[in-house]
Amino acid sequence: MRILMAAAAPKSREGGTASTVSNVAERLRSRGHDVTCLFLEDLLPRPVAFPRFIETYFAFRIAKLILRKPYQYDVVNIHTHVGFVYGFLRRFLRLRLAPPFILTLQGSLERFVYLMSREAKKGRAWYFRWKNRVWHRLYHKLLYRFSIRTADHSTVVNRELWSVLQLQHGRETGRVWYIPNGVEERFFISRNYAKKHPLRLLFVGTWLDRKGIYYLRDAFEQLVPNNPGLQLTAAGCFADVQTVKMFFPESLRDRVNVTPFVQTSEMPTIYAQHDVFVFPSLMEGMPLALLEAMAAGMPVVTTETCGMMDVVEDDFNGLLVKPADSSAFAAAVERLLESPKLRERLGHAAQETMRRYTWDCIAGQMERVFALAVTEKKGG
C-alpha cells in the first residue's frame, strides 16, 4: 500500500505524536509498504499569520496536497483533528477517486474539558481559563467533530475514546478501532531492585497542569519527611529549571532535579537510573513515557483514568490511585519505597505486559485497518 501519515506536530521524535507516527511508519515500511510522513514543518515551514489557527492552516494544506494528486496514495492517515478539511471535501464533493481517510485520535476532548473545568474551579488550570474554555467550545470542538464524522475509519489509543466515538458521535462499531501506542525494543532493560538509598522518583512529561503536577508536588512534600534523601527528577518537561524548582516549596528544591530536554536515545539510561516512575496525570491518550518506564521494568504509580487503566492493573503491574488525590498518590509511592520486593514484583510484571505492546504488534493492527479501508473503496 502507498500510505500517507500526517500530523500537525513538530517532527522531533522527542514529541509523543511524532514518535508514534515515525515508529508505526518504520514498521509498515519493513512490511513492504510505501509510507510518507508529513509533519508541521513540512507543510508550514514558515510562521503563519494567525498562530492560533495553525491547525486550520495545516488542514487546508494537507487536503490540497492529497486532492492535487488523488492517485498518489491508497490510504491517508491523519492524526488529531486536522483531517476535517480533507474529510469534508471528500464527502461533500463525492470524490470517489480520493483515498480513504483514517483518523487517529490520541485523546478525548470531552474528557479534557470535563477534567480541566473541575481543575479551574480549584485554581489549578492555568491553561484552561475562560478564554481557553470558549476557544475549545467554538473552535477545537468543531474541528474535532468534523474530523470524526467525515473519517472512513478511526483508530483510538484508549478504550474510553473508543466508547465516546460510538456513544457521542454516532460512529458504528466497525468504524472505530482501539489500537494502543507501543514501545521500542531498546527500552527492555534489566534492573536491580535491591534495597538502596537514596531512592529516586522519576516523572517524564511536559510540565503542564493537566499532567497532575500540583498533585505530584503535594505528594512529594508528604513523602520527604519519612524518606531522608528522597529525590525527584522531572525529565523531558520542556520547562526551564527555575520554573520547575520554584513550583516546589523552598525546602524541597534541592531534592528536585530538572532535565528540560532529553534525547530519545538517552531515555533508557534515565529510566535505569531511577527507582519508581510517578505519573499523576489527570488524563492521557496513552502516554509513551508510561509504556517506556514499564518496559524498562520500573514499578509505576499512576492515576485510575483513561489511557493508564488500559495497561496498568492495580497491584499486578503497577499501582493505580484516583486522580487529583495527592494523599492517595503519596501513600502508593510510600508502599514502593518501603518494599524492594513489591518494586521487583510490579516491575517484572510491567515489563512482561509491555511485550504485547511492541511497535511491531501495533503496526500490524494499523495495517489491517488500512487494508480494510482500501478494500472497501475498491468494492464501492
Protein backbone atom coordinates (compact mmCIF):
# COMPACT_ATOMS: atom_id res chain seq x y z
CA MET A 1 0.00 0.00 0.00
CA ARG A 2 1.01 3.60 -0.57
CA ILE A 3 0.28 5.29 2.76
CA LEU A 4 0.35 8.93 3.80
CA MET A 5 0.66 9.60 7.54
CA ALA A 6 0.29 13.24 8.62
CA ALA A 7 0.26 15.08 11.94
CA ALA A 8 0.18 18.77 12.83
CA ALA A 9 3.04 18.30 15.28
CA PRO A 10 6.79 19.02 15.16
CA LYS A 11 8.72 16.15 13.61
CA SER A 12 11.13 15.81 16.53
CA ARG A 13 10.81 12.30 17.97
CA GLU A 14 11.06 13.73 21.47
CA GLY A 15 7.39 14.62 20.98
CA GLY A 16 4.80 11.90 21.54
CA THR A 17 2.83 12.27 18.30
CA ALA A 18 5.90 12.37 16.06
CA SER A 19 7.37 9.36 17.83
CA THR A 20 4.14 7.40 17.34
CA VAL A 21 3.87 8.27 13.64
CA SER A 22 7.55 7.55 12.97
CA ASN A 23 7.56 4.21 14.76
CA VAL A 24 4.45 2.93 13.01
CA ALA A 25 5.77 4.16 9.64
CA GLU A 26 9.09 2.35 10.11
CA ARG A 27 7.37 -0.95 10.89
CA LEU A 28 4.99 -0.59 7.96
CA ARG A 29 7.93 0.03 5.62
CA SER A 30 9.56 -3.14 6.92
CA ARG A 31 6.38 -4.94 5.87
CA GLY A 32 6.80 -3.72 2.31
CA HIS A 33 4.58 -0.64 2.28
CA ASP A 34 5.48 2.76 0.81
CA VAL A 35 4.92 5.24 3.65
CA THR A 36 5.23 9.04 3.51
CA CYS A 37 5.22 11.05 6.76
CA LEU A 38 4.38 14.76 6.88
CA PHE A 39 4.70 16.94 9.97
CA LEU A 40 4.16 20.58 10.85
CA GLU A 41 7.45 21.85 9.39
CA ASP A 42 6.85 20.00 6.12
CA LEU A 43 3.63 21.82 5.27
CA LEU A 44 4.12 25.04 7.23
CA PRO A 45 7.86 25.81 7.01
CA ARG A 46 7.34 29.48 7.90
CA PRO A 47 5.36 31.14 10.72
CA VAL A 48 1.68 31.64 9.89
CA ALA A 49 -0.17 34.96 10.12
CA PHE A 50 -2.52 33.78 12.87
CA PRO A 51 -0.80 31.11 15.01
CA ARG A 52 -3.97 30.36 16.96
CA PHE A 53 -5.42 28.88 13.74
CA ILE A 54 -2.40 26.76 12.90
CA GLU A 55 -4.45 23.54 12.84
CA THR A 56 -6.71 25.05 10.18
CA TYR A 57 -3.74 26.13 8.06
CA PHE A 58 -2.37 22.60 8.28
CA ALA A 59 -5.77 21.06 7.50
CA PHE A 60 -6.12 23.04 4.27
CA ARG A 61 -2.54 22.32 3.21
CA ILE A 62 -2.84 18.58 3.69
CA ALA A 63 -6.20 18.48 1.87
CA LYS A 64 -4.74 20.42 -1.06
CA LEU A 65 -1.72 18.13 -1.27
CA ILE A 66 -3.85 14.98 -1.31
CA LEU A 67 -6.51 16.20 -3.74
CA ARG A 68 -3.98 17.60 -6.20
CA LYS A 69 -2.89 14.01 -6.99
CA PRO A 70 -5.58 11.66 -5.64
CA TYR A 71 -3.90 8.61 -7.21
CA GLN A 72 -0.68 9.15 -5.27
CA TYR A 73 -1.84 7.34 -2.11
CA ASP A 74 -4.01 4.31 -1.40
CA VAL A 75 -4.91 5.45 2.10
CA VAL A 76 -4.45 8.58 4.21
CA ASN A 77 -3.92 8.50 7.99
CA ILE A 78 -4.25 11.91 9.68
CA HIS A 79 -3.59 12.35 13.39
CA THR A 80 -5.69 14.54 15.69
CA HIS A 81 -8.47 16.76 14.38
CA VAL A 82 -6.71 18.32 11.36
CA GLY A 83 -8.32 15.94 8.88
CA PHE A 84 -11.61 17.82 8.88
CA VAL A 85 -10.99 19.76 5.63
CA TYR A 86 -9.98 16.69 3.63
CA GLY A 87 -12.79 14.62 5.12
CA PHE A 88 -15.41 17.29 4.43
CA LEU A 89 -14.30 17.97 0.83
CA ARG A 90 -14.08 14.27 0.04
CA ARG A 91 -17.60 13.66 1.33
CA PHE A 92 -19.20 16.89 0.09
CA LEU A 93 -17.74 16.69 -3.43
CA ARG A 94 -18.18 12.89 -3.56
CA LEU A 95 -14.59 12.39 -4.63
CA ARG A 96 -14.59 8.66 -5.26
CA LEU A 97 -11.01 8.67 -6.50
CA ALA A 98 -9.66 10.28 -3.34
CA PRO A 99 -8.03 7.81 -0.92
CA PRO A 100 -9.93 6.75 2.21
CA PHE A 101 -9.36 8.81 5.34
CA ILE A 102 -8.27 7.09 8.57
CA LEU A 103 -8.38 9.37 11.61
CA THR A 104 -6.13 8.67 14.61
CA LEU A 105 -7.03 10.31 17.91
CA GLN A 106 -4.62 10.42 20.84
CA GLY A 107 -7.07 11.77 23.41
CA SER A 108 -10.63 12.71 24.24
CA LEU A 109 -11.59 16.38 24.03
CA GLU A 110 -14.66 15.60 26.13
CA ARG A 111 -12.50 14.20 28.94
CA PHE A 112 -10.09 17.14 28.73
CA VAL A 113 -12.83 19.78 29.02
CA TYR A 114 -14.54 17.93 31.87
CA LEU A 115 -11.40 17.49 33.97
CA MET A 116 -9.87 20.87 33.35
CA SER A 117 -13.15 22.63 34.13
CA ARG A 118 -13.03 20.98 37.55
CA GLU A 119 -9.38 21.95 37.99
CA ALA A 120 -10.15 25.54 37.01
CA LYS A 121 -12.54 25.79 39.99
CA LYS A 122 -9.60 24.85 42.23
CA GLY A 123 -7.34 27.45 40.62
CA ARG A 124 -5.14 24.66 39.22
CA ALA A 125 -5.69 25.09 35.50
CA TRP A 126 -3.63 27.95 34.14
CA TYR A 127 -4.14 26.69 30.55
CA PHE A 128 -7.91 26.48 30.90
CA ARG A 129 -9.18 29.88 31.96
CA TRP A 130 -12.36 31.31 30.46
CA LYS A 131 -10.78 32.31 27.14
CA ASN A 132 -9.42 28.80 26.68
CA ARG A 133 -12.79 27.29 27.52
CA VAL A 134 -14.54 29.45 24.93
CA TRP A 135 -11.87 28.67 22.36
CA HIS A 136 -12.25 24.92 22.90
CA ARG A 137 -16.00 25.10 22.56
CA LEU A 138 -16.13 27.33 19.46
CA TYR A 139 -13.05 26.10 17.61
CA HIS A 140 -11.43 22.85 18.73
CA LYS A 141 -14.70 21.06 19.37
CA LEU A 142 -15.94 21.93 15.87
CA LEU A 143 -12.76 20.66 14.17
CA TYR A 144 -12.78 17.56 16.35
CA ARG A 145 -16.41 16.72 15.49
CA PHE A 146 -15.98 17.24 11.74
CA SER A 147 -12.85 15.07 11.67
CA ILE A 148 -14.58 12.22 13.47
CA ARG A 149 -17.73 12.28 11.36
CA THR A 150 -16.02 12.54 7.97
CA ALA A 151 -13.43 9.80 8.53
CA ASP A 152 -13.94 6.39 6.94
CA HIS A 153 -12.42 4.72 9.99
CA SER A 154 -10.99 5.99 13.27
CA THR A 155 -8.27 4.48 15.43
CA VAL A 156 -8.07 5.49 19.08
CA VAL A 157 -5.43 4.81 21.72
CA ASN A 158 -7.68 4.09 24.69
CA ARG A 159 -10.96 2.28 25.29
CA GLU A 160 -12.75 5.27 26.76
CA LEU A 161 -12.31 7.16 23.49
CA TRP A 162 -13.50 4.07 21.60
CA SER A 163 -16.78 4.32 23.53
CA VAL A 164 -17.04 8.12 23.18
CA LEU A 165 -16.87 7.97 19.38
CA GLN A 166 -19.74 5.50 19.31
CA LEU A 167 -21.99 6.90 22.04
CA GLN A 168 -21.48 10.64 21.50
CA HIS A 169 -20.55 10.84 17.83
CA GLY A 170 -22.66 8.05 16.38
CA ARG A 171 -19.80 6.07 14.85
CA GLU A 172 -20.54 2.41 14.11
CA THR A 173 -18.62 -0.27 15.98
CA GLY A 174 -16.94 -1.45 12.78
CA ARG A 175 -15.65 2.07 12.09
CA VAL A 176 -13.77 2.63 15.35
CA TRP A 177 -10.69 0.62 16.34
CA TYR A 178 -8.85 0.52 19.64
CA ILE A 179 -5.14 0.41 18.80
CA PRO A 180 -2.88 1.48 21.68
CA ASN A 181 0.51 3.12 21.43
CA GLY A 182 3.61 0.96 21.54
CA VAL A 183 7.14 0.80 22.86
CA GLU A 184 10.54 0.31 21.25
CA GLU A 185 12.64 -2.79 21.95
CA ARG A 186 15.54 -0.72 23.30
CA PHE A 187 13.57 0.10 26.45
CA PHE A 188 13.53 -3.54 27.61
CA ILE A 189 16.47 -3.38 30.01
CA SER A 190 17.43 -5.41 33.09
CA ARG A 191 17.04 -3.82 36.52
CA ASN A 192 18.38 -4.30 40.03
CA TYR A 193 15.68 -3.88 42.68
CA ALA A 194 17.94 -4.28 45.71
CA LYS A 195 17.33 -2.01 48.67
CA LYS A 196 19.35 1.19 48.37
CA HIS A 197 19.38 4.81 49.45
CA PRO A 198 18.63 7.40 48.43
CA LEU A 199 15.75 6.28 46.23
CA ARG A 200 14.91 8.32 43.14
CA LEU A 201 11.47 9.10 41.74
CA LEU A 202 11.04 9.91 38.05
CA PHE A 203 8.41 11.99 36.29
CA VAL A 204 8.56 12.26 32.49
CA GLY A 205 6.25 14.63 30.65
CA THR A 206 5.52 18.22 29.73
CA TRP A 207 5.23 20.46 32.78
CA LEU A 208 1.51 21.18 32.42
CA ASP A 209 -1.43 21.44 34.79
CA ARG A 210 -3.25 18.51 33.17
CA LYS A 211 -0.25 16.27 33.90
CA GLY A 212 -1.14 16.46 37.59
CA ILE A 213 1.94 18.42 38.62
CA TYR A 214 0.13 20.09 41.53
CA TYR A 215 -0.60 16.65 42.98
CA LEU A 216 2.95 15.49 42.27
CA ARG A 217 4.26 18.45 44.27
CA ASP A 218 1.85 17.85 47.17
CA ALA A 219 2.61 14.11 47.26
CA PHE A 220 6.37 14.71 47.20
CA GLU A 221 6.01 17.14 50.10
CA GLN A 222 4.21 14.42 52.09
CA LEU A 223 6.84 11.79 51.25
CA VAL A 224 10.00 13.69 52.13
CA PRO A 225 9.71 13.72 55.97
CA ASN A 226 9.71 9.90 56.15
CA ASN A 227 12.26 9.33 53.40
CA PRO A 228 15.59 11.06 54.04
CA GLY A 229 17.48 11.73 50.83
CA LEU A 230 14.50 11.05 48.55
CA GLN A 231 14.99 12.69 45.14
CA LEU A 232 12.58 13.60 42.34
CA THR A 233 13.58 14.06 38.70
CA ALA A 234 11.42 15.85 36.14
CA ALA A 235 12.76 14.82 32.72
CA GLY A 236 11.65 15.95 29.29
CA CYS A 237 9.43 18.58 30.89
CA PHE A 238 10.10 21.31 28.27
CA ALA A 239 10.21 23.91 31.05
CA ASP A 240 13.30 25.68 32.36
CA VAL A 241 14.92 24.50 35.57
CA GLN A 242 13.98 27.58 37.58
CA THR A 243 10.29 27.37 36.63
CA VAL A 244 10.02 23.78 37.83
CA LYS A 245 12.03 24.25 41.03
CA MET A 246 10.08 27.36 42.01
CA PHE A 247 6.90 25.29 41.79
CA PHE A 248 8.04 23.42 44.93
CA PRO A 249 8.46 24.78 48.47
CA GLU A 250 11.93 26.20 49.08
CA SER A 251 12.81 23.38 51.48
CA LEU A 252 12.34 20.79 48.71
CA ARG A 253 14.04 22.48 45.78
CA ASP A 254 17.46 20.91 46.35
CA ARG A 255 15.78 17.49 46.10
CA VAL A 256 14.24 18.23 42.68
CA ASN A 257 16.36 17.58 39.59
CA VAL A 258 15.21 19.01 36.28
CA THR A 259 16.24 17.96 32.76
CA PRO A 260 14.13 20.09 30.40
CA PHE A 261 15.04 18.20 27.23
CA VAL A 262 16.22 14.61 26.80
CA GLN A 263 17.19 12.96 23.53
CA THR A 264 15.18 9.81 22.86
CA SER A 265 18.44 7.86 22.69
CA GLU A 266 19.15 8.82 26.31
CA MET A 267 15.79 7.82 27.77
CA PRO A 268 16.66 4.15 28.56
CA THR A 269 19.53 5.43 30.73
CA ILE A 270 17.20 7.86 32.50
CA TYR A 271 14.79 5.04 33.35
CA ALA A 272 17.66 2.81 34.52
CA GLN A 273 18.93 5.48 36.93
CA HIS A 274 15.62 5.80 38.81
CA ASP A 275 13.62 3.53 41.07
CA VAL A 276 9.93 4.47 40.86
CA PHE A 277 8.01 6.07 38.00
CA VAL A 278 5.44 8.61 39.20
CA PHE A 279 2.78 9.79 36.78
CA PRO A 280 -0.18 11.60 38.40
CA SER A 281 -1.66 12.84 35.11
CA LEU A 282 -5.33 13.78 35.17
CA MET A 283 -5.91 12.44 31.65
CA GLU A 284 -3.97 10.98 28.73
CA GLY A 285 -4.44 9.25 25.44
CA MET A 286 -1.87 6.56 26.09
CA PRO A 287 1.39 8.09 27.34
CA LEU A 288 4.55 6.78 25.72
CA ALA A 289 6.57 7.62 28.84
CA LEU A 290 4.43 5.24 30.92
CA LEU A 291 4.87 2.42 28.40
CA GLU A 292 8.62 3.02 28.22
CA ALA A 293 9.01 3.05 32.01
CA MET A 294 7.08 -0.21 32.29
CA ALA A 295 9.17 -1.79 29.52
CA ALA A 296 12.27 -0.73 31.49
CA GLY A 297 10.95 -2.72 34.45
CA MET A 298 10.10 0.30 36.60
CA PRO A 299 7.37 -0.03 39.21
CA VAL A 300 4.84 2.69 38.36
CA VAL A 301 2.30 4.73 40.29
CA THR A 302 -0.27 6.43 38.12
CA THR A 303 -3.90 7.51 38.06
CA GLU A 304 -7.04 5.49 37.52
CA THR A 305 -8.19 7.29 34.40
CA CYS A 306 -8.24 6.98 30.61
CA GLY A 307 -5.14 5.59 28.94
CA MET A 308 -3.42 4.41 32.10
CA MET A 309 -6.19 1.97 33.06
CA ASP A 310 -5.85 0.19 29.71
CA VAL A 311 -2.32 -1.01 30.53
CA VAL A 312 -1.93 -0.82 34.32
CA GLU A 313 -3.73 -3.31 36.54
CA ASP A 314 -3.63 -2.27 40.18
CA ASP A 315 -1.25 -4.31 42.35
CA PHE A 316 -0.34 -6.55 39.41
CA ASN A 317 1.89 -4.49 37.12
CA GLY A 318 1.66 -1.11 38.86
CA LEU A 319 -0.34 0.88 41.39
CA LEU A 320 -3.41 2.93 40.49
CA VAL A 321 -4.92 5.76 42.54
CA LYS A 322 -7.80 8.14 41.98
CA PRO A 323 -6.79 11.24 40.01
CA ALA A 324 -6.39 14.56 41.83
CA ASP A 325 -5.71 12.85 45.18
CA SER A 326 -2.21 13.69 46.38
CA SER A 327 -2.57 11.81 49.69
CA ALA A 328 -3.54 8.57 47.95
CA PHE A 329 -0.73 9.07 45.45
CA ALA A 330 1.81 9.61 48.23
CA ALA A 331 0.58 6.51 50.07
CA ALA A 332 1.00 4.36 46.94
CA VAL A 333 4.52 5.66 46.35
CA GLU A 334 5.34 5.04 50.03
CA ARG A 335 4.42 1.36 49.61
CA LEU A 336 7.01 1.03 46.87
CA LEU A 337 9.68 2.95 48.74
CA GLU A 338 9.32 0.64 51.72
CA SER A 339 9.39 -2.66 49.80
CA PRO A 340 12.08 -3.78 47.33
CA LYS A 341 10.10 -7.00 46.85
CA LEU A 342 6.99 -5.09 45.78
CA ARG A 343 9.06 -2.96 43.41
CA GLU A 344 10.54 -6.10 41.88
CA ARG A 345 7.19 -7.92 41.55
CA LEU A 346 5.42 -5.00 39.92
CA GLY A 347 8.41 -4.09 37.76
CA HIS A 348 8.76 -7.60 36.33
CA ALA A 349 5.02 -7.79 35.64
CA ALA A 350 5.11 -4.38 33.96
CA GLN A 351 7.93 -5.44 31.68
CA GLU A 352 6.15 -8.66 30.70
CA THR A 353 2.96 -6.72 29.96
CA MET A 354 4.84 -4.44 27.59
CA ARG A 355 5.95 -7.43 25.50
CA ARG A 356 2.45 -7.26 24.00
CA TYR A 357 2.83 -3.57 23.16
CA THR A 358 5.80 -3.51 20.82
CA TRP A 359 5.54 -1.29 17.75
CA ASP A 360 5.62 -4.39 15.53
CA CYS A 361 2.35 -5.53 17.12
CA ILE A 362 0.80 -2.06 16.84
CA ALA A 363 1.83 -1.62 13.19
CA GLY A 364 0.21 -4.96 12.36
CA GLN A 365 -3.10 -3.75 13.77
CA MET A 366 -2.86 -0.45 11.85
CA GLU A 367 -2.05 -2.37 8.68
CA ARG A 368 -5.28 -4.34 8.96
CA VAL A 369 -7.38 -1.17 9.31
CA PHE A 370 -5.65 0.43 6.32
CA ALA A 371 -6.17 -2.70 4.23
CA LEU A 372 -9.86 -2.81 5.18
CA ALA A 373 -10.38 0.80 4.08
CA VAL A 374 -8.61 0.18 0.76
CA THR A 375 -10.70 -2.95 0.14
CA GLU A 376 -13.92 -1.08 0.92
CA LYS A 377 -13.02 1.62 -1.58
CA LYS A 378 -12.34 -0.92 -4.33
CA GLY A 379 -15.59 -2.70 -3.55
CA GLY A 380 -17.55 0.56 -3.51
